[in-house]
Amino acid sequence: MSDRSNPERLVVVGALSGAHGVRGDVRVRSFTGEPEAIFDFDQLLDEKGKPLLSVKSYKSASDHFIVTPKTSRQKEEWDAMKGLKLHVSRADLPTADEDEFYIEDLVGLKTCSPDGTVFGRVKSVQNFGAGDLLEVAPDTAGEPAYFVPFTLKDIPDIDFTARTVTIADAQMWADQSDPRKKSEV
């Protein structure tokens, strides 16, 4: 297990897509890099860490999997849970290689300038379709959070030992996201 992140943290690995038929099967969408890797985990948990789904068998469908659970539920129960996220404990994820990390491990790290001045924390990592973005929550009260592209140019260093993410020019991104700082043209 990596000590880079809180092992108690839950990580989203998929979502329920409602019932499949009337025999107790459920449709599952996987968010893992290799879609079938979601079934490497003994139990898939809800957002509070309670067991939600243990897989007896599964088969691939067009954009999801059809899962036969170990514990059967009625069609109406699965349909009522449609959209519910499936989680695993961070501690259950395989250890990342030396030169790799999980995006989830960035959340909570301090953000700093190249000279080492700390100014905030990584609030989340998002991807709206054009690449990963770090959401930075400034330490200054009242300042809005802003996004920084997760590129080598904008994020030149990540130090898990010091628990910091270096942002080359955070002020540029903070100013662009704050409408109070934009000048009228």
N, C-alpha and C. Protein backbone atom coordinates (compact mmCIF):
# COMPACT_ATOMS: atom_id res chain seq x y z
N MET A 1 0.83 -1.19 0.00
CA MET A 1 0.00 0.00 0.00
C MET A 1 0.87 1.24 0.00
N SER A 2 0.49 2.22 -0.80
CA SER A 2 1.19 3.49 -0.86
C SER A 2 0.83 4.33 0.35
N ASP A 3 1.80 5.07 0.86
CA ASP A 3 1.50 5.96 1.97
C ASP A 3 1.20 7.36 1.45
N ARG A 4 0.98 7.48 0.16
CA ARG A 4 0.74 8.77 -0.47
C ARG A 4 -0.62 9.34 -0.15
N SER A 5 -1.55 8.54 0.25
CA SER A 5 -2.92 8.99 0.45
C SER A 5 -3.50 8.33 1.69
N ASN A 6 -4.58 8.87 2.14
CA ASN A 6 -5.30 8.31 3.27
C ASN A 6 -5.90 6.97 2.85
N PRO A 7 -5.46 5.86 3.46
CA PRO A 7 -5.96 4.55 3.06
C PRO A 7 -7.45 4.37 3.36
N GLU A 8 -8.01 5.21 4.20
CA GLU A 8 -9.44 5.13 4.53
C GLU A 8 -10.30 5.80 3.46
N ARG A 9 -9.70 6.60 2.60
CA ARG A 9 -10.44 7.33 1.57
C ARG A 9 -11.08 6.35 0.61
N LEU A 10 -12.30 6.67 0.19
CA LEU A 10 -12.99 5.85 -0.79
C LEU A 10 -12.77 6.44 -2.18
N VAL A 11 -12.57 5.57 -3.15
CA VAL A 11 -12.31 5.97 -4.52
C VAL A 11 -13.42 5.42 -5.40
N VAL A 12 -14.01 6.27 -6.23
CA VAL A 12 -15.08 5.84 -7.14
C VAL A 12 -14.47 5.02 -8.27
N VAL A 13 -15.05 3.83 -8.51
CA VAL A 13 -14.57 2.95 -9.58
C VAL A 13 -15.65 2.60 -10.59
N GLY A 14 -16.89 3.01 -10.32
CA GLY A 14 -17.97 2.70 -11.25
C GLY A 14 -19.29 3.24 -10.74
N ALA A 15 -20.36 2.85 -11.45
CA ALA A 15 -21.70 3.29 -11.06
C ALA A 15 -22.72 2.23 -11.48
N LEU A 16 -23.81 2.19 -10.73
CA LEU A 16 -24.91 1.31 -11.09
C LEU A 16 -25.74 1.97 -12.19
N SER A 17 -26.21 1.16 -13.13
CA SER A 17 -27.02 1.69 -14.24
C SER A 17 -28.43 1.11 -14.25
N GLY A 18 -28.87 0.56 -13.13
CA GLY A 18 -30.22 0.01 -13.04
C GLY A 18 -30.25 -1.49 -13.27
N ALA A 19 -31.44 -2.02 -13.15
CA ALA A 19 -31.64 -3.47 -13.28
C ALA A 19 -31.46 -3.92 -14.72
N HIS A 20 -31.11 -5.20 -14.86
CA HIS A 20 -31.09 -5.85 -16.18
C HIS A 20 -32.04 -7.03 -16.09
N GLY A 21 -33.20 -6.89 -16.68
CA GLY A 21 -34.19 -7.96 -16.62
C GLY A 21 -34.87 -8.04 -15.27
N VAL A 22 -35.45 -9.18 -15.01
CA VAL A 22 -36.24 -9.36 -13.78
C VAL A 22 -35.67 -10.44 -12.87
N ARG A 23 -34.49 -10.97 -13.19
CA ARG A 23 -33.92 -12.07 -12.41
C ARG A 23 -32.90 -11.62 -11.37
N GLY A 24 -32.79 -10.32 -11.13
CA GLY A 24 -31.88 -9.84 -10.09
C GLY A 24 -30.54 -9.35 -10.59
N ASP A 25 -30.31 -9.36 -11.90
CA ASP A 25 -29.05 -8.84 -12.43
C ASP A 25 -29.08 -7.31 -12.45
N VAL A 26 -27.90 -6.73 -12.47
CA VAL A 26 -27.78 -5.27 -12.46
C VAL A 26 -26.74 -4.84 -13.50
N ARG A 27 -26.95 -3.66 -14.08
CA ARG A 27 -26.00 -3.11 -15.04
C ARG A 27 -25.01 -2.24 -14.27
N VAL A 28 -23.72 -2.39 -14.62
CA VAL A 28 -22.65 -1.65 -13.95
C VAL A 28 -21.76 -0.98 -15.00
N ARG A 29 -21.51 0.31 -14.84
CA ARG A 29 -20.54 1.02 -15.66
C ARG A 29 -19.23 1.08 -14.89
N SER A 30 -18.14 0.81 -15.56
CA SER A 30 -16.83 0.83 -14.92
C SER A 30 -16.10 2.11 -15.29
N PHE A 31 -15.42 2.71 -14.31
CA PHE A 31 -14.60 3.90 -14.53
C PHE A 31 -13.11 3.58 -14.43
N THR A 32 -12.76 2.31 -14.34
CA THR A 32 -11.36 1.93 -14.19
C THR A 32 -10.66 1.96 -15.55
N GLY A 33 -9.33 2.12 -15.54
CA GLY A 33 -8.55 2.17 -16.77
C GLY A 33 -8.81 0.98 -17.67
N GLU A 34 -8.77 -0.20 -17.13
CA GLU A 34 -9.17 -1.42 -17.82
C GLU A 34 -10.54 -1.77 -17.24
N PRO A 35 -11.61 -1.64 -18.03
CA PRO A 35 -12.97 -1.77 -17.48
C PRO A 35 -13.22 -2.99 -16.61
N GLU A 36 -12.67 -4.15 -16.98
CA GLU A 36 -12.92 -5.36 -16.19
C GLU A 36 -12.20 -5.35 -14.83
N ALA A 37 -11.28 -4.43 -14.64
CA ALA A 37 -10.54 -4.36 -13.37
C ALA A 37 -11.47 -4.04 -12.19
N ILE A 38 -12.63 -3.49 -12.46
CA ILE A 38 -13.57 -3.20 -11.38
C ILE A 38 -13.95 -4.49 -10.63
N PHE A 39 -13.87 -5.62 -11.32
CA PHE A 39 -14.26 -6.89 -10.71
C PHE A 39 -13.11 -7.57 -9.98
N ASP A 40 -11.97 -6.90 -9.90
CA ASP A 40 -10.84 -7.41 -9.10
C ASP A 40 -11.09 -7.23 -7.61
N PHE A 41 -12.08 -6.42 -7.26
CA PHE A 41 -12.38 -6.13 -5.86
C PHE A 41 -13.49 -7.04 -5.36
N ASP A 42 -13.30 -7.56 -4.14
CA ASP A 42 -14.29 -8.48 -3.57
C ASP A 42 -15.65 -7.82 -3.37
N GLN A 43 -15.62 -6.58 -2.89
CA GLN A 43 -16.86 -5.87 -2.63
C GLN A 43 -16.76 -4.46 -3.17
N LEU A 44 -17.86 -4.00 -3.75
CA LEU A 44 -17.98 -2.62 -4.17
C LEU A 44 -18.86 -1.93 -3.13
N LEU A 45 -18.44 -0.76 -2.70
CA LEU A 45 -19.04 -0.09 -1.55
C LEU A 45 -19.87 1.12 -1.97
N ASP A 46 -20.76 1.56 -1.07
CA ASP A 46 -21.47 2.82 -1.31
C ASP A 46 -20.61 3.98 -0.81
N GLU A 47 -21.13 5.20 -0.86
CA GLU A 47 -20.35 6.38 -0.49
C GLU A 47 -19.98 6.45 0.99
N LYS A 48 -20.63 5.62 1.81
CA LYS A 48 -20.31 5.58 3.24
C LYS A 48 -19.41 4.42 3.60
N GLY A 49 -19.03 3.62 2.60
CA GLY A 49 -18.14 2.49 2.84
C GLY A 49 -18.85 1.19 3.17
N LYS A 50 -20.18 1.17 3.06
CA LYS A 50 -20.94 -0.06 3.34
C LYS A 50 -20.97 -0.92 2.08
N PRO A 51 -20.83 -2.23 2.22
CA PRO A 51 -20.87 -3.12 1.05
C PRO A 51 -22.20 -2.97 0.30
N LEU A 52 -22.09 -2.82 -1.02
CA LEU A 52 -23.27 -2.62 -1.85
C LEU A 52 -23.44 -3.75 -2.87
N LEU A 53 -22.29 -4.23 -3.39
CA LEU A 53 -22.37 -5.23 -4.44
C LEU A 53 -21.17 -6.17 -4.38
N SER A 54 -21.44 -7.46 -4.30
CA SER A 54 -20.42 -8.50 -4.44
C SER A 54 -20.79 -9.26 -5.70
N VAL A 55 -19.81 -9.45 -6.58
CA VAL A 55 -20.08 -10.00 -7.90
C VAL A 55 -19.91 -11.52 -7.93
N LYS A 56 -20.95 -12.19 -8.38
CA LYS A 56 -20.90 -13.65 -8.59
C LYS A 56 -20.36 -13.92 -9.99
N SER A 57 -20.90 -13.21 -10.99
CA SER A 57 -20.43 -13.33 -12.37
C SER A 57 -20.80 -12.05 -13.12
N TYR A 58 -20.17 -11.88 -14.28
CA TYR A 58 -20.47 -10.70 -15.10
C TYR A 58 -20.21 -11.03 -16.56
N LYS A 59 -20.85 -10.25 -17.41
CA LYS A 59 -20.57 -10.35 -18.85
C LYS A 59 -20.62 -8.95 -19.44
N SER A 60 -19.84 -8.76 -20.46
CA SER A 60 -19.71 -7.46 -21.10
C SER A 60 -20.92 -7.16 -21.97
N ALA A 61 -21.36 -5.90 -21.96
CA ALA A 61 -22.39 -5.40 -22.86
C ALA A 61 -21.79 -4.22 -23.61
N SER A 62 -22.58 -3.45 -24.30
CA SER A 62 -22.03 -2.40 -25.16
C SER A 62 -21.17 -1.38 -24.41
N ASP A 63 -21.71 -0.73 -23.40
CA ASP A 63 -20.95 0.27 -22.65
C ASP A 63 -21.02 0.03 -21.15
N HIS A 64 -21.34 -1.18 -20.78
CA HIS A 64 -21.47 -1.54 -19.36
C HIS A 64 -21.29 -3.06 -19.21
N PHE A 65 -21.46 -3.50 -17.99
CA PHE A 65 -21.41 -4.94 -17.70
C PHE A 65 -22.76 -5.36 -17.12
N ILE A 66 -23.15 -6.58 -17.40
CA ILE A 66 -24.33 -7.16 -16.78
C ILE A 66 -23.80 -8.07 -15.68
N VAL A 67 -24.18 -7.75 -14.45
CA VAL A 67 -23.62 -8.41 -13.27
C VAL A 67 -24.69 -9.24 -12.56
N THR A 68 -24.32 -10.46 -12.24
CA THR A 68 -25.13 -11.29 -11.37
C THR A 68 -24.49 -11.18 -9.99
N PRO A 69 -25.20 -10.57 -9.04
CA PRO A 69 -24.63 -10.38 -7.70
C PRO A 69 -24.73 -11.66 -6.86
N LYS A 70 -23.87 -11.73 -5.84
CA LYS A 70 -23.93 -12.85 -4.90
C LYS A 70 -25.21 -12.78 -4.08
N THR A 71 -25.63 -11.57 -3.75
CA THR A 71 -26.87 -11.36 -3.00
C THR A 71 -27.89 -10.73 -3.94
N SER A 72 -28.97 -11.42 -4.16
CA SER A 72 -29.98 -10.97 -5.11
C SER A 72 -30.81 -9.81 -4.55
N ARG A 73 -31.23 -8.95 -5.46
CA ARG A 73 -32.16 -7.86 -5.12
C ARG A 73 -33.25 -7.84 -6.19
N GLN A 74 -34.36 -7.25 -5.85
CA GLN A 74 -35.46 -7.12 -6.80
C GLN A 74 -35.12 -6.06 -7.85
N LYS A 75 -35.74 -6.19 -9.02
CA LYS A 75 -35.55 -5.24 -10.11
C LYS A 75 -35.80 -3.80 -9.62
N GLU A 76 -36.83 -3.60 -8.85
CA GLU A 76 -37.19 -2.26 -8.38
C GLU A 76 -36.09 -1.67 -7.48
N GLU A 77 -35.44 -2.52 -6.68
CA GLU A 77 -34.35 -2.06 -5.82
C GLU A 77 -33.18 -1.56 -6.66
N TRP A 78 -32.78 -2.36 -7.68
CA TRP A 78 -31.67 -1.94 -8.53
C TRP A 78 -32.02 -0.67 -9.29
N ASP A 79 -33.25 -0.59 -9.79
CA ASP A 79 -33.65 0.61 -10.52
C ASP A 79 -33.64 1.85 -9.63
N ALA A 80 -34.01 1.68 -8.37
CA ALA A 80 -34.00 2.81 -7.44
C ALA A 80 -32.57 3.28 -7.14
N MET A 81 -31.59 2.41 -7.32
CA MET A 81 -30.19 2.77 -7.06
C MET A 81 -29.45 3.22 -8.32
N LYS A 82 -30.16 3.36 -9.42
CA LYS A 82 -29.54 3.78 -10.68
C LYS A 82 -28.77 5.09 -10.47
N GLY A 83 -27.53 5.12 -10.94
CA GLY A 83 -26.68 6.30 -10.80
C GLY A 83 -25.81 6.29 -9.56
N LEU A 84 -26.08 5.38 -8.64
CA LEU A 84 -25.30 5.30 -7.40
C LEU A 84 -23.85 4.91 -7.72
N LYS A 85 -22.91 5.65 -7.16
CA LYS A 85 -21.49 5.40 -7.41
C LYS A 85 -21.01 4.19 -6.60
N LEU A 86 -20.10 3.44 -7.21
CA LEU A 86 -19.48 2.29 -6.57
C LEU A 86 -18.06 2.66 -6.16
N HIS A 87 -17.70 2.38 -4.93
CA HIS A 87 -16.41 2.77 -4.38
C HIS A 87 -15.60 1.56 -3.91
N VAL A 88 -14.31 1.78 -3.77
CA VAL A 88 -13.43 0.85 -3.07
C VAL A 88 -12.56 1.68 -2.14
N SER A 89 -12.02 1.04 -1.14
CA SER A 89 -11.11 1.73 -0.23
C SER A 89 -9.79 1.98 -0.94
N ARG A 90 -9.18 3.13 -0.71
CA ARG A 90 -7.89 3.45 -1.32
C ARG A 90 -6.87 2.38 -0.98
N ALA A 91 -6.97 1.80 0.21
CA ALA A 91 -6.03 0.77 0.65
C ALA A 91 -6.13 -0.50 -0.20
N ASP A 92 -7.27 -0.72 -0.86
CA ASP A 92 -7.45 -1.91 -1.67
C ASP A 92 -6.91 -1.78 -3.09
N LEU A 93 -6.52 -0.58 -3.48
CA LEU A 93 -5.97 -0.40 -4.82
C LEU A 93 -4.56 -0.97 -4.88
N PRO A 94 -4.16 -1.50 -6.03
CA PRO A 94 -2.79 -2.03 -6.14
C PRO A 94 -1.76 -0.91 -5.94
N THR A 95 -0.60 -1.28 -5.46
CA THR A 95 0.47 -0.30 -5.26
C THR A 95 0.91 0.23 -6.62
N ALA A 96 1.02 1.55 -6.70
CA ALA A 96 1.48 2.18 -7.95
C ALA A 96 2.99 1.98 -8.08
N ASP A 97 3.46 1.88 -9.32
CA ASP A 97 4.90 1.77 -9.56
C ASP A 97 5.60 3.03 -9.06
N GLU A 98 6.93 2.94 -8.93
CA GLU A 98 7.75 4.03 -8.39
C GLU A 98 7.50 5.36 -9.10
N ASP A 99 7.40 5.33 -10.42
CA ASP A 99 7.25 6.57 -11.18
C ASP A 99 5.80 6.85 -11.55
N GLU A 100 4.84 6.22 -10.86
CA GLU A 100 3.43 6.42 -11.12
C GLU A 100 2.70 6.75 -9.82
N PHE A 101 1.48 7.26 -9.98
CA PHE A 101 0.64 7.54 -8.82
C PHE A 101 -0.80 7.54 -9.28
N TYR A 102 -1.70 7.45 -8.32
CA TYR A 102 -3.13 7.57 -8.61
C TYR A 102 -3.50 9.04 -8.53
N ILE A 103 -4.33 9.48 -9.48
CA ILE A 103 -4.80 10.86 -9.48
C ILE A 103 -5.41 11.21 -8.12
N GLU A 104 -6.09 10.25 -7.52
CA GLU A 104 -6.72 10.44 -6.21
C GLU A 104 -5.71 10.87 -5.15
N ASP A 105 -4.43 10.45 -5.32
CA ASP A 105 -3.40 10.78 -4.34
C ASP A 105 -3.05 12.26 -4.32
N LEU A 106 -3.45 13.01 -5.35
CA LEU A 106 -3.17 14.44 -5.40
C LEU A 106 -4.10 15.25 -4.50
N VAL A 107 -5.31 14.74 -4.28
CA VAL A 107 -6.29 15.46 -3.49
C VAL A 107 -5.78 15.66 -2.06
N GLY A 108 -5.80 16.90 -1.62
CA GLY A 108 -5.35 17.23 -0.26
C GLY A 108 -3.90 17.70 -0.19
N LEU A 109 -3.13 17.52 -1.27
CA LEU A 109 -1.74 18.00 -1.24
C LEU A 109 -1.72 19.52 -1.25
N LYS A 110 -0.70 20.11 -0.61
CA LYS A 110 -0.52 21.56 -0.60
C LYS A 110 -0.06 22.00 -1.98
N THR A 111 -0.50 23.19 -2.39
CA THR A 111 -0.03 23.77 -3.64
C THR A 111 0.97 24.85 -3.31
N CYS A 112 2.04 24.92 -4.10
CA CYS A 112 3.06 25.92 -3.83
C CYS A 112 3.60 26.48 -5.14
N SER A 113 4.25 27.65 -5.03
CA SER A 113 4.90 28.27 -6.18
C SER A 113 6.28 27.64 -6.34
N PRO A 114 6.96 27.90 -7.46
CA PRO A 114 8.30 27.32 -7.65
C PRO A 114 9.30 27.68 -6.54
N ASP A 115 9.08 28.81 -5.84
CA ASP A 115 9.99 29.19 -4.75
C ASP A 115 9.62 28.51 -3.43
N GLY A 116 8.55 27.69 -3.42
CA GLY A 116 8.18 26.94 -2.23
C GLY A 116 7.09 27.57 -1.38
N THR A 117 6.59 28.74 -1.77
CA THR A 117 5.53 29.41 -1.02
C THR A 117 4.21 28.66 -1.18
N VAL A 118 3.66 28.21 -0.06
CA VAL A 118 2.40 27.45 -0.06
C VAL A 118 1.24 28.44 -0.12
N PHE A 119 0.26 28.16 -0.98
CA PHE A 119 -0.87 29.09 -1.13
C PHE A 119 -2.24 28.41 -1.18
N GLY A 120 -2.29 27.08 -1.10
CA GLY A 120 -3.58 26.42 -1.14
C GLY A 120 -3.44 24.91 -1.08
N ARG A 121 -4.51 24.22 -1.50
CA ARG A 121 -4.54 22.76 -1.52
C ARG A 121 -5.26 22.30 -2.77
N VAL A 122 -4.94 21.08 -3.20
CA VAL A 122 -5.66 20.46 -4.30
C VAL A 122 -7.00 19.99 -3.74
N LYS A 123 -8.06 20.57 -4.24
CA LYS A 123 -9.41 20.24 -3.78
C LYS A 123 -9.95 19.01 -4.50
N SER A 124 -9.69 18.91 -5.81
CA SER A 124 -10.16 17.78 -6.60
C SER A 124 -9.38 17.72 -7.90
N VAL A 125 -9.57 16.63 -8.62
CA VAL A 125 -9.03 16.50 -9.96
C VAL A 125 -10.24 16.23 -10.85
N GLN A 126 -10.41 17.06 -11.87
CA GLN A 126 -11.57 16.96 -12.75
C GLN A 126 -11.12 16.74 -14.18
N ASN A 127 -12.02 16.20 -14.98
CA ASN A 127 -11.79 16.09 -16.41
C ASN A 127 -13.12 16.31 -17.09
N PHE A 128 -13.24 17.45 -17.77
CA PHE A 128 -14.49 17.80 -18.43
C PHE A 128 -14.44 17.46 -19.92
N GLY A 129 -13.42 16.68 -20.33
CA GLY A 129 -13.33 16.22 -21.69
C GLY A 129 -12.09 16.69 -22.44
N ALA A 130 -11.41 17.70 -21.94
CA ALA A 130 -10.24 18.23 -22.65
C ALA A 130 -8.94 17.96 -21.90
N GLY A 131 -8.97 17.09 -20.89
CA GLY A 131 -7.77 16.78 -20.12
C GLY A 131 -8.00 17.02 -18.64
N ASP A 132 -7.09 16.50 -17.83
CA ASP A 132 -7.22 16.62 -16.39
C ASP A 132 -6.91 18.04 -15.93
N LEU A 133 -7.66 18.48 -14.92
CA LEU A 133 -7.49 19.79 -14.30
C LEU A 133 -7.41 19.61 -12.80
N LEU A 134 -6.49 20.34 -12.15
CA LEU A 134 -6.45 20.36 -10.69
C LEU A 134 -7.31 21.52 -10.23
N GLU A 135 -8.23 21.25 -9.31
CA GLU A 135 -9.01 22.32 -8.69
C GLU A 135 -8.25 22.74 -7.44
N VAL A 136 -7.85 24.00 -7.42
CA VAL A 136 -7.06 24.53 -6.31
C VAL A 136 -7.94 25.38 -5.42
N ALA A 137 -7.93 25.07 -4.12
CA ALA A 137 -8.65 25.86 -3.12
C ALA A 137 -7.62 26.74 -2.42
N PRO A 138 -7.66 28.06 -2.64
CA PRO A 138 -6.68 28.95 -2.01
C PRO A 138 -6.82 28.96 -0.48
N ASP A 139 -5.70 29.22 0.21
CA ASP A 139 -5.73 29.35 1.66
C ASP A 139 -6.38 30.65 2.10
N THR A 140 -6.40 31.66 1.23
CA THR A 140 -6.96 32.97 1.56
C THR A 140 -8.48 32.89 1.59
N ALA A 141 -9.07 33.26 2.71
CA ALA A 141 -10.52 33.21 2.87
C ALA A 141 -11.19 34.13 1.85
N GLY A 142 -12.27 33.64 1.28
CA GLY A 142 -13.03 34.43 0.34
C GLY A 142 -12.58 34.32 -1.11
N GLU A 143 -11.41 33.77 -1.33
CA GLU A 143 -10.92 33.61 -2.71
C GLU A 143 -11.55 32.35 -3.31
N PRO A 144 -12.05 32.45 -4.54
CA PRO A 144 -12.68 31.28 -5.14
C PRO A 144 -11.65 30.23 -5.59
N ALA A 145 -12.09 29.00 -5.65
CA ALA A 145 -11.25 27.92 -6.18
C ALA A 145 -11.09 28.16 -7.68
N TYR A 146 -10.03 27.59 -8.24
CA TYR A 146 -9.78 27.74 -9.68
C TYR A 146 -9.12 26.48 -10.20
N PHE A 147 -9.12 26.35 -11.52
CA PHE A 147 -8.57 25.16 -12.18
C PHE A 147 -7.25 25.46 -12.85
N VAL A 148 -6.33 24.49 -12.77
CA VAL A 148 -5.03 24.57 -13.43
C VAL A 148 -4.87 23.31 -14.28
N PRO A 149 -4.53 23.47 -15.56
CA PRO A 149 -4.33 22.27 -16.39
C PRO A 149 -3.24 21.37 -15.81
N PHE A 150 -3.50 20.08 -15.83
CA PHE A 150 -2.54 19.11 -15.31
C PHE A 150 -1.56 18.75 -16.42
N THR A 151 -0.67 19.69 -16.71
CA THR A 151 0.37 19.50 -17.73
C THR A 151 1.72 19.71 -17.08
N LEU A 152 2.77 19.21 -17.70
CA LEU A 152 4.12 19.37 -17.18
C LEU A 152 4.51 20.85 -17.13
N LYS A 153 4.04 21.63 -18.08
CA LYS A 153 4.34 23.06 -18.11
C LYS A 153 3.73 23.78 -16.90
N ASP A 154 2.48 23.45 -16.57
CA ASP A 154 1.78 24.13 -15.48
C ASP A 154 2.03 23.50 -14.12
N ILE A 155 2.31 22.20 -14.09
CA ILE A 155 2.57 21.47 -12.85
C ILE A 155 3.94 20.80 -13.01
N PRO A 156 5.03 21.56 -12.80
CA PRO A 156 6.36 20.99 -13.07
C PRO A 156 6.85 19.98 -12.05
N ASP A 157 6.25 19.93 -10.84
CA ASP A 157 6.76 19.00 -9.84
C ASP A 157 5.66 18.58 -8.87
N ILE A 158 5.71 17.30 -8.51
CA ILE A 158 4.85 16.74 -7.46
C ILE A 158 5.78 16.03 -6.50
N ASP A 159 5.72 16.42 -5.23
CA ASP A 159 6.59 15.83 -4.22
C ASP A 159 5.71 15.19 -3.16
N PHE A 160 5.57 13.86 -3.24
CA PHE A 160 4.70 13.17 -2.29
C PHE A 160 5.32 13.12 -0.90
N THR A 161 6.63 13.20 -0.79
CA THR A 161 7.27 13.22 0.52
C THR A 161 6.93 14.51 1.25
N ALA A 162 7.03 15.64 0.55
CA ALA A 162 6.70 16.94 1.14
C ALA A 162 5.20 17.22 1.06
N ARG A 163 4.47 16.37 0.33
CA ARG A 163 3.03 16.52 0.11
C ARG A 163 2.70 17.85 -0.56
N THR A 164 3.47 18.20 -1.62
CA THR A 164 3.25 19.44 -2.35
C THR A 164 3.13 19.22 -3.85
N VAL A 165 2.40 20.10 -4.48
CA VAL A 165 2.27 20.18 -5.93
C VAL A 165 2.75 21.58 -6.31
N THR A 166 3.76 21.66 -7.15
CA THR A 166 4.27 22.96 -7.58
C THR A 166 3.48 23.41 -8.81
N ILE A 167 2.97 24.63 -8.74
CA ILE A 167 2.24 25.22 -9.86
C ILE A 167 3.07 26.38 -10.38
N ALA A 168 3.43 26.33 -11.65
CA ALA A 168 4.35 27.31 -12.25
C ALA A 168 3.84 28.74 -12.13
N ASP A 169 2.56 28.99 -12.46
CA ASP A 169 2.02 30.35 -12.42
C ASP A 169 0.57 30.31 -11.96
N ALA A 170 0.38 30.04 -10.70
CA ALA A 170 -0.98 29.91 -10.15
C ALA A 170 -1.77 31.20 -10.28
N GLN A 171 -1.12 32.33 -10.11
CA GLN A 171 -1.82 33.61 -10.15
C GLN A 171 -2.53 33.82 -11.49
N MET A 172 -1.88 33.40 -12.57
CA MET A 172 -2.50 33.53 -13.89
C MET A 172 -3.84 32.79 -13.93
N TRP A 173 -3.87 31.56 -13.42
CA TRP A 173 -5.09 30.77 -13.45
C TRP A 173 -6.12 31.30 -12.46
N ALA A 174 -5.68 31.79 -11.31
CA ALA A 174 -6.59 32.35 -10.31
C ALA A 174 -7.27 33.59 -10.87
N ASP A 175 -6.50 34.46 -11.53
CA ASP A 175 -7.06 35.69 -12.09
C ASP A 175 -8.05 35.40 -13.20
N GLN A 176 -7.80 34.37 -14.02
CA GLN A 176 -8.69 34.04 -15.12
C GLN A 176 -10.01 33.47 -14.64
N SER A 177 -10.01 32.84 -13.49
CA SER A 177 -11.24 32.21 -13.02
C SER A 177 -12.07 33.13 -12.13
N ASP A 178 -11.51 34.26 -11.71
CA ASP A 178 -12.22 35.17 -10.80
C ASP A 178 -12.78 36.35 -11.58
N PRO A 179 -14.11 36.39 -11.79
CA PRO A 179 -14.70 37.46 -12.57
C PRO A 179 -14.50 38.85 -11.94
N ARG A 180 -14.22 38.90 -10.64
CA ARG A 180 -14.00 40.19 -9.98
C ARG A 180 -12.69 40.83 -10.43
N LYS A 181 -11.78 40.01 -10.98
CA LYS A 181 -10.46 40.52 -11.35
C LYS A 181 -10.34 40.77 -12.86
N LYS A 182 -11.40 40.52 -13.62
CA LYS A 182 -11.35 40.73 -15.07
C LYS A 182 -11.66 42.19 -15.38
N SER A 183 -10.91 42.74 -16.27
CA SER A 183 -11.18 44.12 -16.67
C SER A 183 -12.15 44.12 -17.83
N GLU A 184 -12.96 45.16 -17.93
CA GLU A 184 -13.90 45.25 -19.04
C GLU A 184 -13.19 45.71 -20.28
N VAL A 185 -13.60 45.14 -21.40
CA VAL A 185 -12.99 45.46 -22.69
C VAL A 185 -13.81 46.48 -23.42
